[in-house]
Amino acid sequence: MSTEANTSSGFDSVKWLAAVVLIAGAVYANHFMDQMENIHGLVQAAIIIALIALALLIASTTGKGKNAVEFAKESRMEVRKVVWPTRQEAIQTTLIIVLFVVLIALFLWGVDSLLGWGVSSVMSL
């Protein structure tokens, strides 16, 4: 079993290298095709998206890539379980927070004014 892990990790390195080369190729292709006048922007975008998609596909077949894909699937399932607030609840919560921030700002302004008055009174002696 450890032989399989070593083989797959070695092959995973090759896959990661291929993915990095494809991403670098997409960057180079973007730069190269920008300088060519006969390539349409839509074709350029399609080529770059295809290179990046192929790199992601190759990366997703590695051990870490499979873990990342599984994590994304589980995260999506968890997001579906979230009970989102209604519009009214969101508005009420926002208003409470704004009111609280204004009250704290007024309190800090008052404390600052009081301390400023106190310091200026002591300094004028």
Protein backbone atom coordinates (compact mmCIF):
# COMPACT_ATOMS: atom_id res chain seq x y z
CA MET A 1 0.00 0.00 0.00
CA SER A 2 2.86 2.40 0.72
CA THR A 3 4.21 1.70 -2.78
CA GLU A 4 0.95 2.96 -4.28
CA ALA A 5 1.13 6.12 -2.18
CA ASN A 6 4.71 6.79 -3.30
CA THR A 7 3.85 6.14 -6.95
CA SER A 8 0.79 8.34 -6.89
CA SER A 9 2.64 11.13 -5.08
CA GLY A 10 5.39 10.98 -7.71
CA PHE A 11 2.79 11.00 -10.47
CA ASP A 12 0.98 13.80 -8.64
CA SER A 13 4.14 15.88 -8.93
CA VAL A 14 4.11 15.36 -12.70
CA LYS A 15 0.44 16.36 -12.80
CA TRP A 16 1.11 19.51 -10.77
CA LEU A 17 4.01 20.37 -13.05
CA ALA A 18 1.74 19.92 -16.08
CA ALA A 19 -0.91 22.15 -14.48
CA VAL A 20 1.65 24.87 -13.73
CA VAL A 21 3.03 24.64 -17.27
CA LEU A 22 -0.50 25.01 -18.68
CA ILE A 23 -1.18 28.07 -16.50
CA ALA A 24 2.15 29.58 -17.54
CA GLY A 25 1.25 28.77 -21.14
CA ALA A 26 -2.07 30.58 -20.71
CA VAL A 27 -0.26 33.66 -19.39
CA TYR A 28 2.25 33.53 -22.25
CA ALA A 29 -0.52 32.94 -24.81
CA ASN A 30 -2.43 35.92 -23.47
CA HIS A 31 0.64 38.12 -23.85
CA PHE A 32 1.54 36.68 -27.27
CA MET A 33 -1.98 36.90 -28.69
CA ASP A 34 -2.36 40.50 -27.49
CA GLN A 35 0.43 41.45 -29.88
CA MET A 36 -1.16 39.62 -32.82
CA GLU A 37 -3.77 41.66 -34.65
CA ASN A 38 -5.47 38.82 -36.54
CA ILE A 39 -6.77 36.95 -33.45
CA HIS A 40 -10.23 37.94 -32.27
CA GLY A 41 -10.65 38.69 -28.56
CA LEU A 42 -13.29 36.01 -28.16
CA VAL A 43 -10.98 33.37 -29.63
CA GLN A 44 -8.19 34.55 -27.33
CA ALA A 45 -10.46 34.30 -24.30
CA ALA A 46 -11.63 30.83 -25.33
CA ILE A 47 -8.06 29.56 -25.68
CA ILE A 48 -7.02 30.96 -22.32
CA ILE A 49 -10.13 29.62 -20.57
CA ALA A 50 -9.52 26.20 -22.17
CA LEU A 51 -5.90 26.14 -20.96
CA ILE A 52 -6.90 27.12 -17.43
CA ALA A 53 -9.77 24.60 -17.39
CA LEU A 54 -7.41 21.85 -18.55
CA ALA A 55 -4.92 22.81 -15.83
CA LEU A 56 -7.67 22.69 -13.20
CA LEU A 57 -8.88 19.34 -14.53
CA ILE A 58 -5.38 17.88 -14.29
CA ALA A 59 -4.87 19.37 -10.82
CA SER A 60 -8.19 17.95 -9.63
CA THR A 61 -6.97 14.41 -10.36
CA THR A 62 -4.14 14.69 -7.82
CA GLY A 63 -4.55 13.72 -4.18
CA LYS A 64 -4.69 17.32 -2.95
CA GLY A 65 -6.90 18.26 -5.88
CA LYS A 66 -9.41 15.53 -4.99
CA ASN A 67 -9.41 16.78 -1.40
CA ALA A 68 -10.07 20.33 -2.62
CA VAL A 69 -12.92 19.20 -4.87
CA GLU A 70 -14.46 17.19 -2.01
CA PHE A 71 -14.11 20.21 0.31
CA ALA A 72 -15.85 22.43 -2.26
CA LYS A 73 -18.72 19.94 -2.58
CA GLU A 74 -19.13 19.71 1.20
CA SER A 75 -18.98 23.51 1.51
CA ARG A 76 -21.72 23.86 -1.08
CA MET A 77 -23.88 21.40 0.87
CA GLU A 78 -23.30 23.37 4.08
CA VAL A 79 -24.23 26.67 2.41
CA ARG A 80 -27.52 25.11 1.38
CA LYS A 81 -28.23 24.33 5.05
CA VAL A 82 -27.80 27.95 6.13
CA VAL A 83 -30.98 29.72 7.19
CA TRP A 84 -30.63 33.16 5.64
CA PRO A 85 -32.35 36.13 7.31
CA THR A 86 -35.38 37.67 5.70
CA ARG A 87 -35.14 41.15 4.20
CA GLN A 88 -36.95 42.62 7.21
CA GLU A 89 -34.58 40.90 9.67
CA ALA A 90 -31.56 42.13 7.72
CA ILE A 91 -32.86 45.72 7.68
CA GLN A 92 -33.69 45.66 11.39
CA THR A 93 -30.29 44.26 12.31
CA THR A 94 -28.53 46.84 10.12
CA LEU A 95 -30.49 49.69 11.72
CA ILE A 96 -29.67 48.42 15.22
CA ILE A 97 -25.97 48.28 14.34
CA VAL A 98 -26.02 51.78 12.81
CA LEU A 99 -27.81 53.16 15.88
CA PHE A 100 -25.32 51.48 18.20
CA VAL A 101 -22.36 52.85 16.22
CA VAL A 102 -23.82 56.37 16.34
CA LEU A 103 -24.38 56.11 20.12
CA ILE A 104 -20.83 54.87 20.71
CA ALA A 105 -19.47 57.65 18.46
CA LEU A 106 -21.39 60.27 20.44
CA PHE A 107 -20.17 58.77 23.72
CA LEU A 108 -16.54 58.78 22.55
CA TRP A 109 -16.93 62.34 21.24
CA GLY A 110 -18.26 63.39 24.63
CA VAL A 111 -15.43 61.67 26.52
CA ASP A 112 -12.88 63.21 24.15
CA SER A 113 -14.38 66.67 24.60
CA LEU A 114 -14.42 66.27 28.39
CA LEU A 115 -10.81 65.09 28.47
CA GLY A 116 -9.78 67.87 26.09
CA TRP A 117 -11.46 70.45 28.30
CA GLY A 118 -9.78 68.94 31.37
CA VAL A 119 -6.32 68.93 29.82
CA SER A 120 -6.69 72.50 28.55
CA SER A 121 -7.88 73.61 32.01
CA VAL A 122 -4.85 72.00 33.68
CA MET A 123 -2.47 73.43 31.07
CA SER A 124 -3.83 76.98 31.52
CA LEU A 125 -2.92 77.00 35.22
